[in-house]
Amino acid sequence: MGGKDSMHRSLAGLTLIVTAAVMVLVATPATVAAQAVRELFKKVTPSVVVIRAKGRDVTTGGQITFGETGSGVLVSKDGKVMTAAHVVHAMDSISVEFLGGETVSAKVVASEPAADLSLLQLDRVPPGAQAATMADSNTVQVGDEIIIVGAPYGLSYSLSVGYISARWAPNTVYKTMPLAEFFQTDATINTGNSGGPMFAMNGQVIGIISHNISKGGGSEGLGFVVTMNTAKQLLLEKKSFWSGLEGVLLNDRNADMLNLPDRNSGYMVKTVAKDSPGDALGLRGSTMIVPIAGQELPMGGDIIMKVNGVSASAANIGKIREGMNALPPGGEFKVTILRAGKVLELTGKAP
């Protein structure tokens, strides 16, 4: 009896050891991965910000005020923050909240809606804030694991984890954003994540979140993120000119219906951000949206016909953009507008 009991005890002990070993082998990868993500989140959050902006819009009922919440990332010690253009481009006031709740004012200093990118300059950098390291996004490959930190639906410093699903060359996904090279990701992206950073697992920023595609209004695993190399080129190297304008480019049919002189095309100004170059130029925004021939047009404001002598047509947008980007600080530019039936020429200076 004693021998059998001893053998049973030995077998039971061996079974426990084997079971424990299997459990360790099964659990270790998941545990290690969770710890890696947890430590990465702690490492990067001092560079992540929540952006709250206030602006004006125009509807069929007239002008309204509204607020926008987005995310961003501090990329320099002197207070430069990258975010999405649609969060801040034409807004009147912008505040940036850091981890811990400290909030500072900011202004746009560069913006490129054709890539959904804007660069903010903070009034000051709070103690404890850390600038993120910007990666060479060309090294990122499909299948790489990533994390996203932002403020979905205003819920500050929320984490999501996913993978790079695809990479899209400029002018292949969205014709309205022809300059943006995109990463596609299955990480959860919702309203409020826009402008926030996507991090590689080494803690470097590899992209700036733009938007997601959704049929139901939530996240469906189709998120699009502008690559960091695109952001560096357009915001730091070229310094895309920020106009502070939001509006509509007229098609030829509507330009003719509105009797623009000399068969000009035009850009109808919808809103003008306070203290922007457009505001300093004296441009006036619209007062009401009116549907005309299938296009919703902002009426009651200025129509820009030419910029530095170049017609404001779809074919010339790239040329106009390059000319404005090449202006040195204080460089003069001229804008020809139609206002209340009169052609005027306004003169401005680049900030």
Protein backbone atom coordinates (compact mmCIF):
# COMPACT_ATOMS: atom_id res chain seq x y z
CA MET A 1 0.00 0.00 0.00
CA GLY A 2 2.74 2.43 0.97
CA GLY A 3 4.54 1.78 -2.36
CA LYS A 4 1.43 2.47 -4.40
CA ASP A 5 0.70 5.65 -2.41
CA SER A 6 4.25 6.82 -2.99
CA MET A 7 3.98 6.10 -6.71
CA HIS A 8 0.63 7.96 -6.93
CA ARG A 9 2.13 10.92 -5.10
CA SER A 10 5.09 10.95 -7.47
CA LEU A 11 2.83 10.81 -10.53
CA ALA A 12 0.61 13.55 -9.12
CA GLY A 13 3.63 15.74 -8.46
CA LEU A 14 4.97 15.09 -11.95
CA THR A 15 1.58 16.00 -13.43
CA LEU A 16 1.54 19.28 -11.49
CA ILE A 17 5.04 20.13 -12.67
CA VAL A 18 4.19 19.39 -16.31
CA THR A 19 0.93 21.33 -16.07
CA ALA A 20 2.68 24.31 -14.52
CA ALA A 21 5.37 24.20 -17.19
CA VAL A 22 2.76 24.15 -19.95
CA MET A 23 0.88 27.03 -18.35
CA VAL A 24 4.11 29.05 -18.15
CA LEU A 25 4.86 28.34 -21.81
CA VAL A 26 1.35 29.32 -22.85
CA ALA A 27 1.03 32.40 -20.64
CA THR A 28 4.50 33.93 -21.02
CA PRO A 29 4.14 35.45 -24.54
CA ALA A 30 0.84 37.15 -23.70
CA THR A 31 2.15 38.37 -20.35
CA VAL A 32 5.35 39.71 -21.88
CA ALA A 33 3.40 41.43 -24.66
CA ALA A 34 1.01 43.04 -22.17
CA GLN A 35 3.92 44.26 -20.06
CA ALA A 36 5.63 45.69 -23.16
CA VAL A 37 2.51 47.62 -24.18
CA ARG A 38 1.97 48.84 -20.62
CA GLU A 39 5.54 50.15 -20.35
CA LEU A 40 5.35 51.70 -23.83
CA PHE A 41 2.14 53.53 -22.93
CA LYS A 42 3.79 55.02 -19.83
CA LYS A 43 6.79 56.04 -21.89
CA VAL A 44 4.95 57.89 -24.66
CA THR A 45 2.01 59.57 -22.91
CA PRO A 46 4.01 62.67 -21.80
CA SER A 47 4.27 63.60 -25.50
CA VAL A 48 0.56 63.08 -26.31
CA VAL A 49 -1.89 65.99 -26.06
CA VAL A 50 -5.64 66.56 -26.23
CA ILE A 51 -6.67 69.47 -28.45
CA ARG A 52 -9.82 71.49 -27.89
CA ALA A 53 -10.65 74.10 -30.50
CA LYS A 54 -13.49 76.56 -31.04
CA GLY A 55 -14.60 77.94 -34.36
CA ARG A 56 -17.44 79.09 -36.59
CA ASP A 57 -19.31 77.33 -39.35
CA VAL A 58 -21.99 78.34 -41.83
CA THR A 59 -25.18 76.40 -42.49
CA THR A 60 -28.36 76.96 -44.48
CA GLY A 61 -29.66 78.76 -41.39
CA GLY A 62 -26.67 81.08 -41.05
CA GLN A 63 -23.51 81.18 -38.95
CA ILE A 64 -23.01 78.96 -35.89
CA THR A 65 -20.23 78.39 -33.36
CA PHE A 66 -18.95 74.93 -32.46
CA GLY A 67 -16.21 73.05 -30.64
CA GLU A 68 -13.83 70.36 -31.89
CA THR A 69 -11.88 67.80 -29.87
CA GLY A 70 -8.87 66.01 -31.28
CA SER A 71 -5.43 64.73 -30.37
CA GLY A 72 -1.85 65.63 -31.16
CA VAL A 73 1.78 64.96 -30.34
CA LEU A 74 4.59 67.23 -29.13
CA VAL A 75 7.52 66.85 -31.57
CA SER A 76 9.99 69.51 -30.38
CA LYS A 77 11.28 70.94 -27.13
CA ASP A 78 10.31 74.46 -28.22
CA GLY A 79 6.61 73.54 -28.35
CA LYS A 80 5.67 72.35 -31.83
CA VAL A 81 2.70 69.97 -31.96
CA MET A 82 1.57 67.92 -34.95
CA THR A 83 -2.12 67.23 -35.45
CA ALA A 84 -4.77 66.80 -38.16
CA ALA A 85 -5.71 69.83 -40.26
CA HIS A 86 -9.43 69.19 -39.97
CA VAL A 87 -9.18 69.62 -36.19
CA VAL A 88 -7.56 73.09 -36.17
CA HIS A 89 -7.09 74.60 -39.65
CA ALA A 90 -9.92 77.19 -39.61
CA MET A 91 -10.54 77.47 -35.86
CA ASP A 92 -10.58 80.73 -33.90
CA SER A 93 -9.03 79.47 -30.66
CA ILE A 94 -7.01 76.38 -29.75
CA SER A 95 -6.04 74.96 -26.35
CA VAL A 96 -3.74 72.01 -25.78
CA GLU A 97 -4.04 69.78 -22.72
CA PHE A 98 -1.14 67.69 -21.44
CA LEU A 99 -1.00 64.63 -19.23
CA GLY A 100 -1.96 65.80 -15.75
CA GLY A 101 -4.43 68.35 -17.07
CA GLU A 102 -2.25 71.42 -17.60
CA THR A 103 -3.61 73.42 -20.56
CA VAL A 104 -1.83 75.98 -22.74
CA SER A 105 -2.89 78.08 -25.74
CA ALA A 106 -1.59 77.38 -29.23
CA LYS A 107 -1.75 78.77 -32.75
CA VAL A 108 -1.38 77.20 -36.19
CA VAL A 109 1.95 77.96 -37.89
CA ALA A 110 1.79 75.54 -40.83
CA SER A 111 -1.06 73.60 -42.41
CA GLU A 112 -1.71 71.36 -45.39
CA PRO A 113 -5.34 70.27 -45.76
CA ALA A 114 -4.37 68.27 -48.87
CA ALA A 115 -2.62 65.88 -46.47
CA ASP A 116 -4.80 66.59 -43.40
CA LEU A 117 -1.82 67.90 -41.43
CA SER A 118 -1.27 70.98 -39.25
CA LEU A 119 1.53 72.21 -37.02
CA LEU A 120 0.82 74.16 -33.82
CA GLN A 121 3.12 76.36 -31.80
CA LEU A 122 2.47 76.34 -28.04
CA ASP A 123 2.65 79.51 -26.00
CA ARG A 124 4.82 77.55 -23.56
CA VAL A 125 5.82 73.96 -22.82
CA PRO A 126 4.61 72.64 -19.43
CA PRO A 127 7.11 71.00 -17.06
CA GLY A 128 7.10 67.23 -17.49
CA ALA A 129 6.09 67.33 -21.15
CA GLN A 130 8.39 65.32 -23.41
CA ALA A 131 8.90 65.65 -27.15
CA ALA A 132 8.35 62.41 -29.03
CA THR A 133 10.97 60.91 -31.31
CA MET A 134 9.93 60.99 -34.97
CA ALA A 135 10.66 57.81 -36.89
CA ASP A 136 11.70 57.17 -40.47
CA SER A 137 8.34 55.77 -41.54
CA ASN A 138 9.86 54.12 -44.62
CA THR A 139 11.15 51.39 -42.31
CA VAL A 140 7.60 50.43 -41.22
CA GLN A 141 6.16 47.30 -42.81
CA VAL A 142 2.75 45.70 -43.13
CA GLY A 143 2.27 43.39 -40.14
CA ASP A 144 4.19 45.59 -37.67
CA GLU A 145 2.47 45.99 -34.31
CA ILE A 146 1.59 49.55 -33.26
CA ILE A 147 -0.21 51.47 -30.54
CA ILE A 148 -2.40 54.57 -30.71
CA VAL A 149 -2.92 57.02 -27.85
CA GLY A 150 -5.55 59.76 -28.09
CA ALA A 151 -8.90 61.09 -26.99
CA PRO A 152 -11.70 59.12 -28.68
CA TYR A 153 -15.00 60.88 -27.96
CA GLY A 154 -13.04 63.16 -25.62
CA LEU A 155 -11.85 60.29 -23.40
CA SER A 156 -8.30 61.51 -22.81
CA TYR A 157 -5.29 59.19 -23.05
CA SER A 158 -7.10 56.11 -24.31
CA LEU A 159 -4.97 53.30 -25.71
CA SER A 160 -5.63 51.00 -28.65
CA VAL A 161 -3.37 48.34 -30.12
CA GLY A 162 -3.24 46.94 -33.63
CA TYR A 163 -1.17 46.28 -36.71
CA ILE A 164 -0.22 47.99 -39.95
CA SER A 165 -2.75 46.58 -42.44
CA ALA A 166 -1.57 48.30 -45.63
CA ARG A 167 0.35 51.22 -47.04
CA TRP A 168 -1.10 53.59 -49.62
CA ALA A 169 0.88 55.90 -51.87
CA PRO A 170 -0.19 59.56 -52.24
CA ASN A 171 -3.28 60.24 -54.37
CA THR A 172 -4.50 56.62 -54.28
CA VAL A 173 -7.04 56.55 -51.42
CA TYR A 174 -8.58 60.03 -51.24
CA LYS A 175 -8.56 62.53 -54.09
CA THR A 176 -9.33 65.30 -51.56
CA MET A 177 -6.02 64.54 -49.78
CA PRO A 178 -3.67 63.90 -52.72
CA LEU A 179 -0.45 64.71 -50.83
CA ALA A 180 -0.93 62.16 -48.05
CA GLU A 181 0.82 58.83 -47.93
CA PHE A 182 -1.27 56.64 -45.62
CA PHE A 183 -0.82 53.70 -43.31
CA GLN A 184 -3.96 51.64 -42.91
CA THR A 185 -4.47 50.05 -39.49
CA ASP A 186 -6.93 47.80 -37.68
CA ALA A 187 -6.33 49.62 -34.37
CA THR A 188 -9.48 51.24 -32.99
CA ILE A 189 -9.90 54.85 -34.19
CA ASN A 190 -12.89 57.00 -33.30
CA THR A 191 -13.90 60.67 -33.28
CA GLY A 192 -11.36 62.51 -31.12
CA ASN A 193 -8.42 60.32 -32.16
CA SER A 194 -7.84 62.58 -35.17
CA GLY A 195 -4.43 64.21 -35.10
CA GLY A 196 -3.05 61.82 -32.50
CA PRO A 197 0.15 59.82 -32.86
CA MET A 198 0.64 56.24 -33.96
CA PHE A 199 3.68 54.72 -32.22
CA ALA A 200 5.93 51.85 -33.22
CA MET A 201 6.78 49.41 -30.46
CA ASN A 202 10.09 51.21 -29.89
CA GLY A 203 8.18 54.36 -28.86
CA GLN A 204 8.85 56.40 -32.00
CA VAL A 205 6.03 58.21 -33.83
CA ILE A 206 5.38 56.68 -37.24
CA GLY A 207 2.25 58.61 -38.24
CA ILE A 208 -0.48 61.15 -37.50
CA ILE A 209 -4.05 59.84 -37.38
CA SER A 210 -6.39 61.25 -40.01
CA HIS A 211 -9.69 59.36 -40.02
CA ASN A 212 -11.45 56.03 -40.29
CA ILE A 213 -13.94 54.57 -42.75
CA SER A 214 -17.18 53.54 -41.11
CA LYS A 215 -20.63 52.59 -42.37
CA GLY A 216 -22.11 52.40 -38.89
CA GLY A 217 -20.46 55.45 -37.34
CA GLY A 218 -17.99 53.54 -35.14
CA SER A 219 -14.61 51.93 -35.68
CA GLU A 220 -14.61 49.10 -38.20
CA GLY A 221 -10.88 48.41 -38.39
CA LEU A 222 -10.28 50.73 -41.35
CA GLY A 223 -8.20 53.55 -39.94
CA PHE A 224 -5.96 55.82 -42.00
CA VAL A 225 -2.83 57.46 -40.64
CA VAL A 226 -0.59 59.94 -42.49
CA THR A 227 2.98 58.65 -42.50
CA MET A 228 5.55 60.52 -40.41
CA ASN A 229 7.82 61.15 -43.41
CA THR A 230 4.92 62.97 -45.10
CA ALA A 231 4.32 65.01 -41.93
CA LYS A 232 7.99 65.94 -41.55
CA GLN A 233 8.26 66.98 -45.18
CA LEU A 234 5.11 69.13 -45.29
CA LEU A 235 5.21 70.63 -41.80
CA LEU A 236 8.89 70.90 -40.85
CA GLU A 237 10.89 70.94 -44.07
CA LYS A 238 8.59 72.85 -46.46
CA LYS A 239 6.51 74.72 -43.85
CA SER A 240 3.18 74.64 -45.69
CA PHE A 241 1.55 78.09 -45.73
CA TRP A 242 -1.40 78.43 -43.36
CA SER A 243 -4.16 80.63 -44.75
CA GLY A 244 -6.78 80.10 -42.04
CA LEU A 245 -9.42 79.80 -44.76
CA GLU A 246 -12.08 77.21 -45.29
CA GLY A 247 -14.18 77.31 -48.44
CA VAL A 248 -15.32 75.74 -51.67
CA LEU A 249 -13.62 75.67 -55.07
CA LEU A 250 -16.18 76.49 -57.74
CA ASN A 251 -16.70 74.22 -60.69
CA ASP A 252 -16.85 75.88 -64.13
CA ARG A 253 -20.64 75.66 -64.34
CA ASN A 254 -21.25 77.50 -61.08
CA ALA A 255 -18.51 80.03 -61.81
CA ASP A 256 -20.42 80.94 -64.96
CA MET A 257 -23.77 81.03 -63.12
CA LEU A 258 -22.31 83.49 -60.60
CA ASN A 259 -21.02 85.69 -63.44
CA LEU A 260 -17.39 85.77 -62.39
CA PRO A 261 -15.60 88.35 -64.59
CA ASP A 262 -13.52 87.25 -67.58
CA ARG A 263 -14.65 83.63 -67.15
CA ASN A 264 -12.53 83.31 -64.00
CA SER A 265 -12.86 80.32 -61.71
CA GLY A 266 -12.90 80.96 -57.98
CA TYR A 267 -12.66 79.87 -54.37
CA MET A 268 -15.65 80.86 -52.24
CA VAL A 269 -14.55 81.77 -48.73
CA LYS A 270 -16.69 80.04 -46.12
CA THR A 271 -14.91 80.93 -42.84
CA VAL A 272 -11.79 82.89 -41.87
CA ALA A 273 -9.95 81.96 -38.66
CA LYS A 274 -9.26 84.83 -36.29
CA ASP A 275 -5.68 86.19 -36.36
CA SER A 276 -4.86 84.11 -39.46
CA PRO A 277 -3.15 85.47 -42.61
CA GLY A 278 -6.58 85.44 -44.28
CA ASP A 279 -7.97 87.53 -41.44
CA ALA A 280 -5.03 89.96 -41.60
CA LEU A 281 -5.64 90.27 -45.34
CA GLY A 282 -9.20 91.38 -44.62
CA LEU A 283 -11.01 88.49 -46.27
CA ARG A 284 -14.67 88.05 -45.39
CA GLY A 285 -16.42 84.75 -44.77
CA SER A 286 -19.89 83.76 -45.90
CA THR A 287 -23.19 84.22 -44.11
CA MET A 288 -25.24 81.31 -45.43
CA ILE A 289 -25.02 78.04 -47.35
CA VAL A 290 -27.10 77.87 -50.54
CA PRO A 291 -27.43 74.79 -52.78
CA ILE A 292 -26.84 75.72 -56.42
CA ALA A 293 -26.77 73.22 -59.29
CA GLY A 294 -25.83 70.31 -57.06
CA GLN A 295 -23.11 72.16 -55.13
CA GLU A 296 -23.56 73.64 -51.65
CA LEU A 297 -22.03 77.09 -51.84
CA PRO A 298 -21.15 79.55 -49.05
CA MET A 299 -22.76 82.83 -50.06
CA GLY A 300 -22.32 86.39 -48.80
CA GLY A 301 -18.53 86.30 -48.49
CA ASP A 302 -15.55 86.93 -50.76
CA ILE A 303 -14.71 84.89 -53.86
CA ILE A 304 -10.97 84.56 -54.44
CA MET A 305 -10.30 84.70 -58.20
CA LYS A 306 -6.51 84.96 -58.31
CA VAL A 307 -3.52 84.57 -56.00
CA ASN A 308 -0.39 86.38 -57.18
CA GLY A 309 -1.94 86.55 -60.65
CA VAL A 310 -2.67 82.79 -60.84
CA SER A 311 -6.32 81.85 -61.41
CA ALA A 312 -7.91 80.03 -58.46
CA SER A 313 -8.92 76.93 -60.40
CA ALA A 314 -8.56 73.25 -59.57
CA ALA A 315 -5.77 72.90 -62.15
CA ASN A 316 -3.75 75.68 -60.48
CA ILE A 317 -4.09 74.72 -56.81
CA GLY A 318 -0.68 73.02 -56.78
CA LYS A 319 0.99 76.03 -58.39
CA ILE A 320 -0.65 78.45 -55.93
CA ARG A 321 0.34 76.22 -53.00
CA GLU A 322 3.99 76.09 -54.12
CA GLY A 323 4.11 79.86 -54.57
CA MET A 324 2.71 80.57 -51.11
CA ASN A 325 4.97 77.98 -49.47
CA ALA A 326 8.00 79.66 -51.05
CA LEU A 327 7.26 83.03 -49.46
CA PRO A 328 9.83 84.14 -46.86
CA PRO A 329 8.60 85.63 -43.55
CA GLY A 330 7.21 89.05 -44.40
CA GLY A 331 7.01 88.18 -48.08
CA GLU A 332 4.27 90.07 -49.93
CA PHE A 333 1.42 88.40 -51.81
CA LYS A 334 -1.62 89.70 -53.67
CA VAL A 335 -5.13 88.24 -53.80
CA THR A 336 -7.76 89.29 -56.33
CA ILE A 337 -11.31 88.92 -55.03
CA LEU A 338 -14.90 89.53 -56.03
CA ARG A 339 -16.82 91.25 -53.25
CA ALA A 340 -20.42 92.44 -53.66
CA GLY A 341 -19.99 92.61 -57.43
CA LYS A 342 -16.71 94.55 -57.32
CA VAL A 343 -13.24 93.26 -58.15
CA LEU A 344 -10.68 94.21 -55.46
CA GLU A 345 -6.99 93.48 -55.00
CA LEU A 346 -5.78 92.87 -51.46
CA THR A 347 -2.15 92.80 -50.36
CA GLY A 348 -0.86 90.68 -47.51
CA LYS A 349 2.39 89.54 -45.91
CA ALA A 350 3.44 86.03 -44.96
CA PRO A 351 3.83 85.52 -41.19
